[in-house]
């Protein structure tokens, strides 16, 4: 405990303050990365839900297609 007090009270107080400042910068940087990562995950989740909706709509449209009601003008019966 005496060495910590001597570091703060001596000429090394500036070094301690600089260390605390750098630790704060690193913590803020890591917190920002975490927040940005969670925002990106949320955007990805929304995009995936929209994709699932598009796929479901396509399946629904395909199931509603009635080939008997389509007029076939192709004499060779090509697709």
PDB file of N, CA and C in Angstrom:
ATOM      1  N   UNK A   1       0.827  -1.188   0.000  1.00  0.00           N
ATOM      2  CA  UNK A   1       0.000   0.000   0.000  1.00  0.00           C
ATOM      3  C   UNK A   1       0.860   1.236   0.000  1.00  0.00           C
ATOM      4  N   UNK A   2       1.987   1.155   0.659  1.00  0.00           N
ATOM      5  CA  UNK A   2       2.875   2.309   0.721  1.00  0.00           C
ATOM      6  C   UNK A   2       3.459   2.646  -0.636  1.00  0.00           C
ATOM      7  N   UNK A   3       3.698   1.648  -1.455  1.00  0.00           N
ATOM      8  CA  UNK A   3       4.266   1.919  -2.775  1.00  0.00           C
ATOM      9  C   UNK A   3       3.252   2.597  -3.691  1.00  0.00           C
ATOM     10  N   UNK A   4       1.969   2.254  -3.550  1.00  0.00           N
ATOM     11  CA  UNK A   4       0.949   2.898  -4.372  1.00  0.00           C
ATOM     12  C   UNK A   4       0.828   4.364  -4.006  1.00  0.00           C
ATOM     13  N   UNK A   5       0.845   4.640  -2.703  1.00  0.00           N
ATOM     14  CA  UNK A   5       0.745   6.027  -2.245  1.00  0.00           C
ATOM     15  C   UNK A   5       1.969   6.806  -2.702  1.00  0.00           C
ATOM     16  N   UNK A   6       3.140   6.193  -2.648  1.00  0.00           N
ATOM     17  CA  UNK A   6       4.341   6.906  -3.074  1.00  0.00           C
ATOM     18  C   UNK A   6       4.333   7.155  -4.583  1.00  0.00           C
ATOM     19  N   UNK A   7       3.749   6.259  -5.361  1.00  0.00           N
ATOM     20  CA  UNK A   7       3.647   6.481  -6.798  1.00  0.00           C
ATOM     21  C   UNK A   7       2.728   7.659  -7.111  1.00  0.00           C
ATOM     22  N   UNK A   8       1.606   7.730  -6.398  1.00  0.00           N
ATOM     23  CA  UNK A   8       0.647   8.801  -6.654  1.00  0.00           C
ATOM     24  C   UNK A   8       1.178  10.140  -6.163  1.00  0.00           C
ATOM     25  N   UNK A   9       1.797  10.158  -4.993  1.00  0.00           N
ATOM     26  CA  UNK A   9       2.245  11.430  -4.419  1.00  0.00           C
ATOM     27  C   UNK A   9       3.559  11.908  -5.027  1.00  0.00           C
ATOM     28  N   UNK A  10       4.336  11.000  -5.590  1.00  0.00           N
ATOM     29  CA  UNK A  10       5.614  11.398  -6.158  1.00  0.00           C
ATOM     30  C   UNK A  10       5.454  11.945  -7.566  1.00  0.00           C
ATOM     31  N   UNK A  11       6.538  11.994  -8.270  1.00  0.00           N
ATOM     32  CA  UNK A  11       6.529  12.502  -9.632  1.00  0.00           C
ATOM     33  C   UNK A  11       5.886  11.539 -10.613  1.00  0.00           C
ATOM     34  N   UNK A  12       5.571  10.329 -10.160  1.00  0.00           N
ATOM     35  CA  UNK A  12       4.971   9.330 -11.049  1.00  0.00           C
ATOM     36  C   UNK A  12       3.448   9.418 -11.091  1.00  0.00           C
ATOM     37  N   UNK A  13       2.879  10.413 -10.464  1.00  0.00           N
ATOM     38  CA  UNK A  13       1.424  10.595 -10.499  1.00  0.00           C
ATOM     39  C   UNK A  13       0.939  10.793 -11.924  1.00  0.00           C
ATOM     40  N   UNK A  14       1.751  11.435 -12.724  1.00  0.00           N
ATOM     41  CA  UNK A  14       1.395  11.643 -14.125  1.00  0.00           C
ATOM     42  C   UNK A  14       1.335  10.308 -14.871  1.00  0.00           C
ATOM     43  N   UNK A  15       2.269   9.394 -14.535  1.00  0.00           N
ATOM     44  CA  UNK A  15       2.253   8.088 -15.177  1.00  0.00           C
ATOM     45  C   UNK A  15       1.016   7.292 -14.786  1.00  0.00           C
ATOM     46  N   UNK A  16       0.614   7.382 -13.545  1.00  0.00           N
ATOM     47  CA  UNK A  16      -0.586   6.682 -13.086  1.00  0.00           C
ATOM     48  C   UNK A  16      -1.818   7.251 -13.788  1.00  0.00           C
ATOM     49  N   UNK A  17      -1.885   8.577 -13.879  1.00  0.00           N
ATOM     50  CA  UNK A  17      -3.014   9.214 -14.542  1.00  0.00           C
ATOM     51  C   UNK A  17      -3.064   8.820 -16.016  1.00  0.00           C
ATOM     52  N   UNK A  18      -1.903   8.757 -16.650  1.00  0.00           N
ATOM     53  CA  UNK A  18      -1.836   8.346 -18.049  1.00  0.00           C
ATOM     54  C   UNK A  18      -2.294   6.894 -18.210  1.00  0.00           C
ATOM     55  N   UNK A  19      -1.909   6.035 -17.296  1.00  0.00           N
ATOM     56  CA  UNK A  19      -2.339   4.638 -17.334  1.00  0.00           C
ATOM     57  C   UNK A  19      -3.841   4.503 -17.164  1.00  0.00           C
ATOM     58  N   UNK A  20      -4.405   5.269 -16.233  1.00  0.00           N
ATOM     59  CA  UNK A  20      -5.854   5.238 -16.022  1.00  0.00           C
ATOM     60  C   UNK A  20      -6.572   5.755 -17.260  1.00  0.00           C
ATOM     61  N   UNK A  21      -6.040   6.804 -17.866  1.00  0.00           N
ATOM     62  CA  UNK A  21      -6.631   7.369 -19.077  1.00  0.00           C
ATOM     63  C   UNK A  21      -6.611   6.346 -20.227  1.00  0.00           C
ATOM     64  N   UNK A  22      -5.484   5.684 -20.407  1.00  0.00           N
ATOM     65  CA  UNK A  22      -5.379   4.683 -21.470  1.00  0.00           C
ATOM     66  C   UNK A  22      -6.314   3.505 -21.224  1.00  0.00           C
ATOM     67  N   UNK A  23      -6.432   3.096 -19.961  1.00  0.00           N
ATOM     68  CA  UNK A  23      -7.356   2.008 -19.630  1.00  0.00           C
ATOM     69  C   UNK A  23      -8.796   2.424 -19.932  1.00  0.00           C
ATOM     70  N   UNK A  24      -9.129   3.673 -19.674  1.00  0.00           N
ATOM     71  CA  UNK A  24     -10.467   4.181 -19.998  1.00  0.00           C
ATOM     72  C   UNK A  24     -10.716   4.199 -21.491  1.00  0.00           C
ATOM     73  N   UNK A  25      -9.710   4.595 -22.260  1.00  0.00           N
ATOM     74  CA  UNK A  25      -9.855   4.592 -23.719  1.00  0.00           C
ATOM     75  C   UNK A  25     -10.077   3.182 -24.258  1.00  0.00           C
ATOM     76  N   UNK A  26      -9.312   2.228 -23.754  1.00  0.00           N
ATOM     77  CA  UNK A  26      -9.469   0.845 -24.199  1.00  0.00           C
ATOM     78  C   UNK A  26     -10.855   0.323 -23.831  1.00  0.00           C
ATOM     79  N   UNK A  27     -11.320   0.626 -22.615  1.00  0.00           N
ATOM     80  CA  UNK A  27     -12.647   0.172 -22.189  1.00  0.00           C
ATOM     81  C   UNK A  27     -13.738   0.793 -23.063  1.00  0.00           C
ATOM     82  N   UNK A  28     -13.607   2.089 -23.381  1.00  0.00           N
ATOM     83  CA  UNK A  28     -14.605   2.740 -24.231  1.00  0.00           C
ATOM     84  C   UNK A  28     -14.592   2.152 -25.642  1.00  0.00           C
ATOM     85  N   UNK A  29     -13.412   1.855 -26.158  1.00  0.00           N
ATOM     86  CA  UNK A  29     -13.301   1.253 -27.490  1.00  0.00           C
ATOM     87  C   UNK A  29     -13.968  -0.112 -27.528  1.00  0.00           C
ATOM     88  N   UNK A  30     -13.702  -0.931 -26.510  1.00  0.00           N
ATOM     89  CA  UNK A  30     -14.294  -2.269 -26.474  1.00  0.00           C
ATOM     90  C   UNK A  30     -15.812  -2.205 -26.297  1.00  0.00           C
ATOM     91  N   UNK A  31     -16.295  -1.260 -25.504  1.00  0.00           N
ATOM     92  CA  UNK A  31     -17.735  -1.103 -25.321  1.00  0.00           C
ATOM     93  C   UNK A  31     -18.379  -0.672 -26.641  1.00  0.00           C
ATOM     94  N   UNK A  32     -17.732   0.237 -27.361  1.00  0.00           N
ATOM     95  CA  UNK A  32     -18.251   0.679 -28.652  1.00  0.00           C
ATOM     96  C   UNK A  32     -18.315  -0.457 -29.655  1.00  0.00           C
ATOM     97  N   UNK A  33     -17.302  -1.297 -29.663  1.00  0.00           N
ATOM     98  CA  UNK A  33     -17.311  -2.457 -30.573  1.00  0.00           C
ATOM     99  C   UNK A  33     -18.456  -3.390 -30.226  1.00  0.00           C
ATOM    100  N   UNK A  34     -18.699  -3.582 -28.934  1.00  0.00           N
ATOM    101  CA  UNK A  34     -19.771  -4.465 -28.496  1.00  0.00           C
ATOM    102  C   UNK A  34     -21.133  -3.919 -28.923  1.00  0.00           C
ATOM    103  N   UNK A  35     -21.323  -2.619 -28.770  1.00  0.00           N
ATOM    104  CA  UNK A  35     -22.591  -1.995 -29.162  1.00  0.00           C
ATOM    105  C   UNK A  35     -22.777  -2.095 -30.670  1.00  0.00           C
ATOM    106  N   UNK A  36     -21.717  -1.819 -31.421  1.00  0.00           N
ATOM    107  CA  UNK A  36     -21.803  -1.895 -32.881  1.00  0.00           C
ATOM    108  C   UNK A  36     -22.082  -3.328 -33.347  1.00  0.00           C
ATOM    109  N   UNK A  37     -21.481  -4.294 -32.684  1.00  0.00           N
ATOM    110  CA  UNK A  37     -21.713  -5.697 -33.035  1.00  0.00           C
ATOM    111  C   UNK A  37     -23.168  -6.091 -32.780  1.00  0.00           C
ATOM    112  N   UNK A  38     -23.740  -5.618 -31.679  1.00  0.00           N
ATOM    113  CA  UNK A  38     -25.141  -5.949 -31.395  1.00  0.00           C
ATOM    114  C   UNK A  38     -26.075  -5.273 -32.395  1.00  0.00           C
ATOM    115  N   UNK A  39     -25.752  -4.062 -32.823  1.00  0.00           N
ATOM    116  CA  UNK A  39     -26.558  -3.396 -33.854  1.00  0.00           C
ATOM    117  C   UNK A  39     -26.485  -4.155 -35.169  1.00  0.00           C
ATOM    118  N   UNK A  40     -25.294  -4.624 -35.534  1.00  0.00           N
ATOM    119  CA  UNK A  40     -25.134  -5.379 -36.768  1.00  0.00           C
ATOM    120  C   UNK A  40     -25.901  -6.697 -36.704  1.00  0.00           C
ATOM    121  N   UNK A  41     -25.874  -7.357 -35.563  1.00  0.00           N
ATOM    122  CA  UNK A  41     -26.630  -8.599 -35.397  1.00  0.00           C
ATOM    123  C   UNK A  41     -28.128  -8.353 -35.538  1.00  0.00           C
ATOM    124  N   UNK A  42     -28.590  -7.219 -35.016  1.00  0.00           N
ATOM    125  CA  UNK A  42     -30.005  -6.877 -35.141  1.00  0.00           C
ATOM    126  C   UNK A  42     -30.371  -6.622 -36.604  1.00  0.00           C
ATOM    127  N   UNK A  43     -29.505  -5.909 -37.333  1.00  0.00           N
ATOM    128  CA  UNK A  43     -29.767  -5.672 -38.760  1.00  0.00           C
ATOM    129  C   UNK A  43     -29.773  -6.989 -39.537  1.00  0.00           C
ATOM    130  N   UNK A  44     -28.857  -7.870 -39.220  1.00  0.00           N
ATOM    131  CA  UNK A  44     -28.810  -9.166 -39.893  1.00  0.00           C
ATOM    132  C   UNK A  44     -30.060  -9.985 -39.599  1.00  0.00           C
ATOM    133  N   UNK A  45     -30.532  -9.927 -38.369  1.00  0.00           N
ATOM    134  CA  UNK A  45     -31.732 -10.655 -37.993  1.00  0.00           C
ATOM    135  C   UNK A  45     -32.943 -10.120 -38.753  1.00  0.00           C
ATOM    136  N   UNK A  46     -33.041  -8.796 -38.872  1.00  0.00           N
ATOM    137  CA  UNK A  46     -34.156  -8.210 -39.623  1.00  0.00           C
ATOM    138  C   UNK A  46     -34.086  -8.602 -41.094  1.00  0.00           C
ATOM    139  N   UNK A  47     -32.901  -8.593 -41.668  1.00  0.00           N
ATOM    140  CA  UNK A  47     -32.744  -8.974 -43.071  1.00  0.00           C
ATOM    141  C   UNK A  47     -33.111 -10.441 -43.273  1.00  0.00           C
ATOM    142  N   UNK A  48     -32.743 -11.290 -42.328  1.00  0.00           N
ATOM    143  CA  UNK A  48     -33.070 -12.709 -42.431  1.00  0.00           C
ATOM    144  C   UNK A  48     -34.579 -12.928 -42.330  1.00  0.00           C
ATOM    145  N   UNK A  49     -35.243 -12.197 -41.448  1.00  0.00           N
ATOM    146  CA  UNK A  49     -36.699 -12.307 -41.335  1.00  0.00           C
ATOM    147  C   UNK A  49     -37.375 -11.859 -42.634  1.00  0.00           C
ATOM    148  N   UNK A  50     -36.868 -10.792 -43.251  1.00  0.00           N
ATOM    149  CA  UNK A  50     -37.417 -10.345 -44.526  1.00  0.00           C
ATOM    150  C   UNK A  50     -37.198 -11.398 -45.607  1.00  0.00           C
ATOM    151  N   UNK A  51     -36.050 -12.045 -45.585  1.00  0.00           N
ATOM    152  CA  UNK A  51     -35.765 -13.103 -46.560  1.00  0.00           C
ATOM    153  C   UNK A  51     -36.734 -14.271 -46.378  1.00  0.00           C
ATOM    154  N   UNK A  52     -36.961 -14.666 -45.127  1.00  0.00           N
ATOM    155  CA  UNK A  52     -37.899 -15.752 -44.860  1.00  0.00           C
ATOM    156  C   UNK A  52     -39.304 -15.391 -45.355  1.00  0.00           C
ATOM    157  N   UNK A  53     -39.698 -14.135 -45.168  1.00  0.00           N
ATOM    158  CA  UNK A  53     -41.005 -13.678 -45.635  1.00  0.00           C
ATOM    159  C   UNK A  53     -41.072 -13.749 -47.159  1.00  0.00           C
ATOM    160  N   UNK A  54     -40.008 -13.332 -47.843  1.00  0.00           N
ATOM    161  CA  UNK A  54     -39.984 -13.400 -49.303  1.00  0.00           C
ATOM    162  C   UNK A  54     -40.079 -14.838 -49.793  1.00  0.00           C
ATOM    163  N   UNK A  55     -39.387 -15.739 -49.121  1.00  0.00           N
ATOM    164  CA  UNK A  55     -39.435 -17.155 -49.511  1.00  0.00           C
ATOM    165  C   UNK A  55     -40.840 -17.708 -49.295  1.00  0.00           C
ATOM    166  N   UNK A  56     -41.451 -17.361 -48.172  1.00  0.00           N
ATOM    167  CA  UNK A  56     -42.812 -17.834 -47.901  1.00  0.00           C
ATOM    168  C   UNK A  56     -43.792 -17.283 -48.929  1.00  0.00           C
ATOM    169  N   UNK A  57     -43.618 -16.009 -49.313  1.00  0.00           N
ATOM    170  CA  UNK A  57     -44.485 -15.428 -50.340  1.00  0.00           C
ATOM    171  C   UNK A  57     -44.295 -16.131 -51.683  1.00  0.00           C
ATOM    172  N   UNK A  58     -43.069 -16.483 -52.012  1.00  0.00           N
ATOM    173  CA  UNK A  58     -42.807 -17.180 -53.273  1.00  0.00           C
ATOM    174  C   UNK A  58     -43.431 -18.567 -53.265  1.00  0.00           C
ATOM    175  N   UNK A  59     -43.341 -19.263 -52.146  1.00  0.00           N
ATOM    176  CA  UNK A  59     -43.955 -20.594 -52.038  1.00  0.00           C
ATOM    177  C   UNK A  59     -45.468 -20.466 -52.169  1.00  0.00           C
ATOM    178  N   UNK A  60     -46.033 -19.447 -51.536  1.00  0.00           N
ATOM    179  CA  UNK A  60     -47.479 -19.235 -51.617  1.00  0.00           C
ATOM    180  C   UNK A  60     -47.895 -18.932 -53.054  1.00  0.00           C
ATOM    181  N   UNK A  61     -47.134 -18.106 -53.738  1.00  0.00           N
ATOM    182  CA  UNK A  61     -47.456 -17.775 -55.126  1.00  0.00           C
ATOM    183  C   UNK A  61     -47.342 -19.009 -56.013  1.00  0.00           C
ATOM    184  N   UNK A  62     -46.366 -19.822 -55.760  1.00  0.00           N
ATOM    185  CA  UNK A  62     -46.203 -21.030 -56.575  1.00  0.00           C
ATOM    186  C   UNK A  62     -47.350 -22.009 -56.337  1.00  0.00           C
ATOM    187  N   UNK A  63     -47.812 -22.107 -55.103  1.00  0.00           N
ATOM    188  CA  UNK A  63     -48.904 -23.037 -54.819  1.00  0.00           C
ATOM    189  C   UNK A  63     -50.225 -22.538 -55.391  1.00  0.00           C
ATOM    190  N   UNK A  64     -50.359 -21.249 -55.624  1.00  0.00           N
ATOM    191  CA  UNK A  64     -51.579 -20.698 -56.210  1.00  0.00           C
ATOM    192  C   UNK A  64     -51.602 -20.798 -57.732  1.00  0.00           C
ATOM    193  N   UNK A  65     -50.487 -21.130 -58.341  1.00  0.00           N
ATOM    194  CA  UNK A  65     -50.407 -21.230 -59.798  1.00  0.00           C
ATOM    195  C   UNK A  65     -51.209 -22.416 -60.282  1.00  0.00           C
ATOM    196  N   UNK A  66     -52.088 -22.184 -61.249  1.00  0.00           N
ATOM    197  CA  UNK A  66     -52.942 -23.238 -61.786  1.00  0.00           C
ATOM    198  C   UNK A  66     -52.571 -23.451 -63.256  1.00  0.00           C
ATOM    199  N   UNK A  67     -51.835 -24.502 -63.563  1.00  0.00           N
ATOM    200  CA  UNK A  67     -51.421 -24.700 -64.950  1.00  0.00           C
ATOM    201  C   UNK A  67     -52.571 -25.016 -65.896  1.00  0.00           C
ATOM    202  N   UNK A  68     -53.687 -25.490 -65.363  1.00  0.00           N
ATOM    203  CA  UNK A  68     -54.828 -25.799 -66.231  1.00  0.00           C
ATOM    204  C   UNK A  68     -55.493 -24.528 -66.757  1.00  0.00           C
ATOM    205  N   UNK A  69     -55.361 -23.448 -66.026  1.00  0.00           N
ATOM    206  CA  UNK A  69     -55.979 -22.198 -66.439  1.00  0.00           C
ATOM    207  C   UNK A  69     -55.117 -21.392 -67.388  1.00  0.00           C
ATOM    208  N   UNK A  70     -53.911 -21.838 -67.678  1.00  0.00           N
ATOM    209  CA  UNK A  70     -53.006 -21.102 -68.546  1.00  0.00           C
ATOM    210  C   UNK A  70     -53.208 -21.571 -69.982  1.00  0.00           C
ATOM    211  N   UNK A  71     -53.364 -20.619 -70.867  1.00  0.00           N
ATOM    212  CA  UNK A  71     -53.535 -20.960 -72.281  1.00  0.00           C
ATOM    213  C   UNK A  71     -52.176 -21.290 -72.870  1.00  0.00           C
ATOM    214  N   UNK A  72     -52.081 -22.398 -73.541  1.00  0.00           N
ATOM    215  CA  UNK A  72     -50.813 -22.833 -74.098  1.00  0.00           C
ATOM    216  C   UNK A  72     -50.839 -22.619 -75.611  1.00  0.00           C
ATOM    217  N   UNK A  73     -50.101 -21.594 -76.077  1.00  0.00           N
ATOM    218  CA  UNK A  73     -50.047 -21.292 -77.504  1.00  0.00           C
ATOM    219  C   UNK A  73     -48.870 -21.972 -78.186  1.00  0.00           C
ATOM    220  N   UNK A  74     -48.080 -22.703 -77.441  1.00  0.00           N
ATOM    221  CA  UNK A  74     -46.895 -23.308 -78.007  1.00  0.00           C
ATOM    222  C   UNK A  74     -47.259 -24.653 -78.637  1.00  0.00           C
ATOM    223  N   UNK A  75     -47.161 -24.762 -79.951  1.00  0.00           N
ATOM    224  CA  UNK A  75     -47.550 -26.031 -80.589  1.00  0.00           C
ATOM    225  C   UNK A  75     -46.602 -27.184 -80.255  1.00  0.00           C
ATOM    226  N   UNK A  76     -45.404 -26.856 -79.807  1.00  0.00           N
ATOM    227  CA  UNK A  76     -44.429 -27.918 -79.500  1.00  0.00           C
ATOM    228  C   UNK A  76     -44.425 -28.312 -78.025  1.00  0.00           C
ATOM    229  N   UNK A  77     -45.268 -27.677 -77.233  1.00  0.00           N
ATOM    230  CA  UNK A  77     -45.403 -27.982 -75.802  1.00  0.00           C
ATOM    231  C   UNK A  77     -44.104 -27.832 -75.028  1.00  0.00           C
ATOM    232  N   UNK A  78     -43.408 -26.765 -75.340  1.00  0.00           N
ATOM    233  CA  UNK A  78     -42.161 -26.493 -74.599  1.00  0.00           C
ATOM    234  C   UNK A  78     -42.495 -25.801 -73.293  1.00  0.00           C
ATOM    235  N   UNK A  79     -41.594 -25.891 -72.335  1.00  0.00           N
ATOM    236  CA  UNK A  79     -41.792 -25.206 -71.046  1.00  0.00           C
ATOM    237  C   UNK A  79     -41.587 -23.725 -71.188  1.00  0.00           C
TER     238      UNK A  79
END
